[in-house]
Amino acid sequence: MRLLLLFFSFILLSSSSASSPTTGPGILEILIESGVSTDVEFVVNCNEKSQLTRRHLKPNTPELLIFDKLNQTRSLHEVNVTIYDNVTSHSVTVFTYQGLYDADNLPTPYTGLQIRYKCAENRYGGGCEQHCSDPRENWGCDVLGRQRCAVGYCGWNCDKSGSECQNDCKCQNGGKCYASSILPNMLLHCDCPPGYHGAYCEEFKYFDRKLEFSTNFGLNTTVKNKFSNRTDIYQLFEKYEKEQRTSANKEILTFFGPFEKPAEEVYSDWDE
């Protein structure tokens, strides 16, 4: 009887673990621009872990921050983002939905802001739980797990590069041509960049989940978000992501436990 009970308990535990949703690592990116020169600190809290970084924002110059290794415990998880500046602090909550988070208006001094959540490299699925099998230099996976050529490659098996990728390509807005290896000039389909759809990537669908800011103190003056509803916003992310990853002096700190630092303490650190 005892063996039977133990065996029954084991079955229950196995079934429970099997039914639990699996998740994988995600990446939160913040593209921000200020209208004036200012020092800011960004704190990201997710699943009782925190990451922070400090930036000096130059006026009217976009800055991209990348917070990776966000291992959520379920397919949908809250991520709190707090921005401390030399006047006040602003907080927003985003979720681990893949896509863009938009805001119509921003608290000053910020003039542009977009937040994007996506799966880590070679991960895909609703909870980033799937891993791209056998990724190579010339190809990886798109958000649906389909083969996607790396930058500079094209063709049915991503075996072509350079000038070979220019022949009769009708893809628009940065889409990549997938052509047959037997009939190289016969277009099979376009691999569209995020946000674009249609046979030739000619249609743009903006994934706008609206952000609501909470401010701890100070004047609640807002300005129109210059990044809102721009069809080139994905290209801006890719441009500044490339620059960010090649920079060696923009480190993001990671530590355990939620981080809630009073704004006045942050400012005193900068003055030292």
Protein backbone atom coordinates (compact mmCIF):
# COMPACT_ATOMS: atom_id res chain seq x y z
CA MET A 1 0.00 0.00 0.00
CA ARG A 2 2.84 2.39 0.86
CA LEU A 3 4.55 1.70 -2.45
CA LEU A 4 1.27 2.32 -4.24
CA LEU A 5 0.81 5.67 -2.46
CA LEU A 6 4.37 6.73 -3.26
CA PHE A 7 3.89 5.77 -6.88
CA PHE A 8 0.60 7.69 -7.03
CA SER A 9 2.27 10.76 -5.50
CA PHE A 10 5.05 10.57 -8.07
CA ILE A 11 2.48 10.49 -10.88
CA LEU A 12 0.77 13.60 -9.47
CA LEU A 13 4.06 15.49 -9.19
CA SER A 14 5.07 14.50 -12.70
CA SER A 15 1.72 15.57 -14.12
CA SER A 16 1.86 18.87 -12.27
CA SER A 17 5.35 19.70 -13.53
CA ALA A 18 4.45 18.61 -17.04
CA SER A 19 1.43 20.92 -17.14
CA SER A 20 3.40 23.94 -15.87
CA PRO A 21 4.17 26.37 -18.70
CA THR A 22 7.83 26.58 -19.63
CA THR A 23 9.51 29.89 -20.34
CA GLY A 24 12.81 31.16 -21.64
CA PRO A 25 14.98 34.26 -21.44
CA GLY A 26 13.70 37.55 -22.82
CA ILE A 27 15.19 40.97 -23.57
CA LEU A 28 13.76 44.38 -22.68
CA GLU A 29 14.97 47.31 -24.77
CA ILE A 30 14.32 50.98 -23.98
CA LEU A 31 14.84 53.57 -26.71
CA ILE A 32 14.73 57.00 -25.10
CA GLU A 33 15.49 60.60 -26.02
CA SER A 34 15.62 63.73 -23.87
CA GLY A 35 15.09 67.31 -24.96
CA VAL A 36 17.85 68.55 -22.63
CA SER A 37 21.11 67.23 -21.25
CA THR A 38 20.38 65.14 -18.14
CA ASP A 39 21.66 62.26 -16.00
CA VAL A 40 19.23 59.41 -15.48
CA GLU A 41 19.16 56.03 -13.79
CA PHE A 42 17.07 53.14 -15.10
CA VAL A 43 15.90 50.32 -12.82
CA VAL A 44 14.14 47.23 -14.20
CA ASN A 45 12.45 44.81 -11.79
CA CYS A 46 11.32 41.39 -13.01
CA ASN A 47 10.61 38.25 -11.01
CA GLU A 48 12.28 39.58 -7.83
CA LYS A 49 15.47 40.40 -9.70
CA SER A 50 16.64 43.87 -10.66
CA GLN A 51 18.92 45.42 -13.23
CA LEU A 52 20.06 49.01 -13.31
CA THR A 53 22.20 51.32 -15.37
CA ARG A 54 23.03 55.02 -15.45
CA ARG A 55 23.18 57.16 -18.56
CA HIS A 56 24.01 60.71 -19.49
CA LEU A 57 21.44 61.66 -22.11
CA LYS A 58 22.57 64.23 -24.63
CA PRO A 59 19.86 66.58 -25.93
CA ASN A 60 17.87 65.22 -28.90
CA THR A 61 20.08 62.11 -29.15
CA PRO A 62 18.38 58.69 -28.91
CA GLU A 63 19.90 56.21 -26.44
CA LEU A 64 19.15 52.49 -26.35
CA LEU A 65 19.33 50.40 -23.17
CA ILE A 66 19.31 46.61 -23.33
CA PHE A 67 18.26 44.55 -20.31
CA ASP A 68 18.74 40.87 -21.09
CA LYS A 69 18.44 37.59 -19.16
CA LEU A 70 14.92 38.41 -17.99
CA ASN A 71 13.88 34.87 -17.01
CA GLN A 72 10.19 35.12 -16.27
CA THR A 73 8.63 32.27 -14.28
CA ARG A 74 5.52 32.17 -16.47
CA SER A 75 4.63 33.08 -20.03
CA LEU A 76 3.22 36.45 -18.95
CA HIS A 77 5.05 38.45 -16.30
CA GLU A 78 5.06 42.05 -15.10
CA VAL A 79 8.20 44.10 -15.62
CA ASN A 80 8.46 47.40 -13.77
CA VAL A 81 10.62 50.15 -15.27
CA THR A 82 11.55 53.21 -13.18
CA ILE A 83 13.44 56.20 -14.58
CA TYR A 84 15.12 58.53 -12.08
CA ASP A 85 16.29 61.94 -13.26
CA ASN A 86 17.41 65.11 -11.50
CA VAL A 87 13.84 66.33 -10.99
CA THR A 88 11.59 63.37 -10.35
CA SER A 89 11.08 59.67 -11.06
CA HIS A 90 8.63 57.98 -13.42
CA SER A 91 7.50 54.34 -13.39
CA VAL A 92 5.71 52.20 -15.95
CA THR A 93 4.70 48.55 -16.03
CA VAL A 94 5.13 46.43 -19.14
CA PHE A 95 4.41 42.75 -19.67
CA THR A 96 6.36 40.03 -21.40
CA TYR A 97 4.29 40.33 -24.56
CA GLN A 98 6.61 40.40 -27.54
CA GLY A 99 6.39 43.68 -29.41
CA LEU A 100 6.36 47.42 -28.83
CA TYR A 101 5.01 49.49 -25.96
CA ASP A 102 3.97 52.97 -26.99
CA ALA A 103 3.05 56.22 -25.23
CA ASP A 104 1.21 59.15 -26.81
CA ASN A 105 2.67 61.69 -24.38
CA LEU A 106 5.77 61.71 -22.18
CA PRO A 107 6.72 63.48 -18.95
CA THR A 108 9.35 66.15 -19.50
CA PRO A 109 12.25 66.30 -20.16
CA TYR A 110 11.78 63.16 -22.31
CA THR A 111 10.72 63.70 -25.92
CA GLY A 112 10.89 60.16 -27.30
CA LEU A 113 10.35 56.72 -25.75
CA GLN A 114 9.63 53.22 -27.01
CA ILE A 115 9.97 49.98 -25.06
CA ARG A 116 10.30 46.62 -26.78
CA TYR A 117 10.19 43.11 -25.36
CA LYS A 118 11.51 40.20 -27.40
CA CYS A 119 12.98 36.74 -26.97
CA ALA A 120 16.70 36.27 -26.48
CA GLU A 121 18.77 35.29 -29.51
CA ASN A 122 17.77 31.94 -31.02
CA ARG A 123 14.68 31.69 -28.80
CA TYR A 124 11.06 31.87 -29.94
CA GLY A 125 7.52 31.04 -28.83
CA GLY A 126 4.91 32.88 -26.74
CA GLY A 127 7.04 32.49 -23.59
CA CYS A 128 10.41 32.30 -25.41
CA GLU A 129 10.35 28.64 -24.40
CA GLN A 130 11.45 27.22 -27.75
CA HIS A 131 15.10 27.08 -28.80
CA CYS A 132 16.13 27.40 -32.43
CA SER A 133 17.71 24.13 -33.47
CA ASP A 134 21.12 24.20 -35.11
CA PRO A 135 21.54 27.98 -35.61
CA ARG A 136 24.46 28.86 -37.86
CA GLU A 137 26.40 31.89 -38.98
CA ASN A 138 24.19 32.38 -42.03
CA TRP A 139 20.78 31.65 -40.50
CA GLY A 140 18.72 31.41 -37.33
CA CYS A 141 14.98 31.44 -36.49
CA ASP A 142 12.28 34.08 -36.72
CA VAL A 143 9.63 34.65 -34.04
CA LEU A 144 7.64 31.66 -35.33
CA GLY A 145 10.62 29.30 -35.40
CA ARG A 146 10.99 29.43 -39.17
CA GLN A 147 14.42 29.61 -40.77
CA ARG A 148 15.55 33.22 -41.17
CA CYS A 149 18.67 34.32 -42.98
CA ALA A 150 21.25 36.38 -41.14
CA VAL A 151 22.09 39.88 -42.33
CA GLY A 152 23.88 39.70 -45.69
CA TYR A 153 22.55 36.24 -46.63
CA CYS A 154 19.60 35.10 -48.73
CA GLY A 155 18.34 32.13 -50.72
CA TRP A 156 16.36 28.96 -50.05
CA ASN A 157 18.98 27.70 -47.58
CA CYS A 158 20.57 31.11 -46.85
CA ASP A 159 23.49 29.97 -48.98
CA LYS A 160 23.76 33.16 -51.04
CA SER A 161 25.29 36.47 -50.04
CA GLY A 162 26.38 39.84 -51.37
CA SER A 163 25.35 40.69 -54.93
CA GLU A 164 23.56 37.34 -55.26
CA CYS A 165 20.84 38.71 -52.97
CA GLN A 166 20.01 41.65 -55.26
CA ASN A 167 18.53 39.79 -58.23
CA ASP A 168 14.83 40.52 -58.82
CA CYS A 169 14.18 41.10 -55.13
CA LYS A 170 10.82 42.85 -54.72
CA CYS A 171 10.79 42.85 -50.92
CA GLN A 172 10.26 46.30 -49.43
CA ASN A 173 11.15 47.97 -46.13
CA GLY A 174 14.23 45.84 -45.45
CA GLY A 175 12.58 42.47 -46.19
CA LYS A 176 14.86 39.61 -47.28
CA CYS A 177 14.22 37.46 -50.36
CA TYR A 178 13.99 33.70 -50.05
CA ALA A 179 14.69 32.23 -53.49
CA SER A 180 14.79 28.65 -54.69
CA SER A 181 18.22 27.08 -55.10
CA ILE A 182 16.97 25.40 -58.30
CA LEU A 183 15.36 28.53 -59.76
CA PRO A 184 17.38 31.31 -58.11
CA ASN A 185 15.39 34.13 -59.74
CA MET A 186 12.03 32.75 -58.64
CA LEU A 187 10.91 34.53 -55.50
CA LEU A 188 9.30 32.23 -52.95
CA HIS A 189 8.50 34.73 -50.23
CA CYS A 190 9.78 37.74 -48.32
CA ASP A 191 11.06 37.52 -44.75
CA CYS A 192 9.74 40.78 -43.33
CA PRO A 193 11.29 42.76 -40.46
CA PRO A 194 9.18 43.15 -37.30
CA GLY A 195 6.07 45.23 -37.84
CA TYR A 196 5.82 44.68 -41.62
CA HIS A 197 3.46 42.30 -43.41
CA GLY A 198 2.19 41.49 -46.87
CA ALA A 199 3.61 39.59 -49.83
CA TYR A 200 6.36 42.19 -50.24
CA CYS A 201 6.48 43.61 -46.69
CA GLU A 202 4.54 46.61 -47.97
CA GLU A 203 2.09 46.79 -45.06
CA PHE A 204 2.94 48.14 -41.63
CA LYS A 205 1.10 47.10 -38.47
CA TYR A 206 2.05 48.99 -35.36
CA PHE A 207 1.94 46.90 -32.20
CA ASP A 208 1.06 49.65 -29.75
CA ARG A 209 0.41 48.70 -26.15
CA LYS A 210 -0.03 51.99 -24.35
CA LEU A 211 2.07 52.92 -21.32
CA GLU A 212 0.77 54.81 -18.30
CA PHE A 213 3.32 56.71 -16.21
CA SER A 214 3.19 57.23 -12.46
CA THR A 215 5.24 60.10 -11.03
CA ASN A 216 6.40 60.32 -7.41
CA PHE A 217 6.70 64.13 -7.26
CA GLY A 218 7.23 67.19 -9.40
CA LEU A 219 5.24 68.87 -12.16
CA ASN A 220 3.28 66.55 -14.43
CA THR A 221 4.10 68.35 -17.69
CA THR A 222 3.89 66.19 -20.81
CA VAL A 223 4.95 66.50 -24.44
CA LYS A 224 4.04 64.51 -27.54
CA ASN A 225 6.13 61.34 -28.04
CA LYS A 226 8.17 61.86 -31.22
CA PHE A 227 8.70 58.07 -31.58
CA SER A 228 4.98 57.26 -31.56
CA ASN A 229 3.47 55.59 -34.66
CA ARG A 230 6.63 55.87 -36.74
CA THR A 231 6.99 53.20 -39.40
CA ASP A 232 10.78 53.23 -39.05
CA ILE A 233 10.80 52.58 -35.29
CA TYR A 234 11.95 48.96 -35.69
CA GLN A 235 14.84 50.10 -37.86
CA LEU A 236 15.80 52.61 -35.15
CA PHE A 237 15.93 49.78 -32.60
CA GLU A 238 18.14 47.69 -34.88
CA LYS A 239 20.45 50.64 -35.60
CA TYR A 240 21.03 51.58 -31.97
CA GLU A 241 21.14 47.95 -30.84
CA LYS A 242 24.08 47.38 -33.16
CA GLU A 243 25.83 50.46 -31.76
CA GLN A 244 25.06 49.45 -28.17
CA ARG A 245 26.45 45.94 -28.53
CA THR A 246 29.69 47.24 -30.01
CA SER A 247 30.20 49.66 -27.11
CA ALA A 248 32.33 48.33 -24.25
CA ASN A 249 31.63 51.01 -21.64
CA LYS A 250 27.84 50.75 -21.12
CA GLU A 251 27.55 48.02 -18.56
CA ILE A 252 24.26 47.00 -16.97
CA LEU A 253 24.41 45.75 -13.39
CA THR A 254 22.32 42.75 -12.34
CA PHE A 255 21.47 41.80 -8.76
CA PHE A 256 18.87 39.96 -6.72
CA GLY A 257 15.96 41.56 -4.93
CA PRO A 258 13.66 44.40 -5.96
CA PHE A 259 15.43 47.75 -6.18
CA GLU A 260 13.68 50.78 -4.77
CA LYS A 261 16.11 53.62 -4.32
CA PRO A 262 14.83 57.06 -3.27
CA ALA A 263 15.41 59.62 -6.00
CA GLU A 264 17.24 62.02 -3.68
CA GLU A 265 19.76 59.27 -2.83
CA VAL A 266 20.41 58.72 -6.53
CA TYR A 267 21.07 62.40 -7.09
CA SER A 268 23.49 62.57 -4.14
CA ASP A 269 25.50 59.72 -5.69
CA TRP A 270 25.88 61.67 -8.92
CA ASP A 271 27.10 64.75 -7.07
CA GLU A 272 29.96 62.88 -5.40
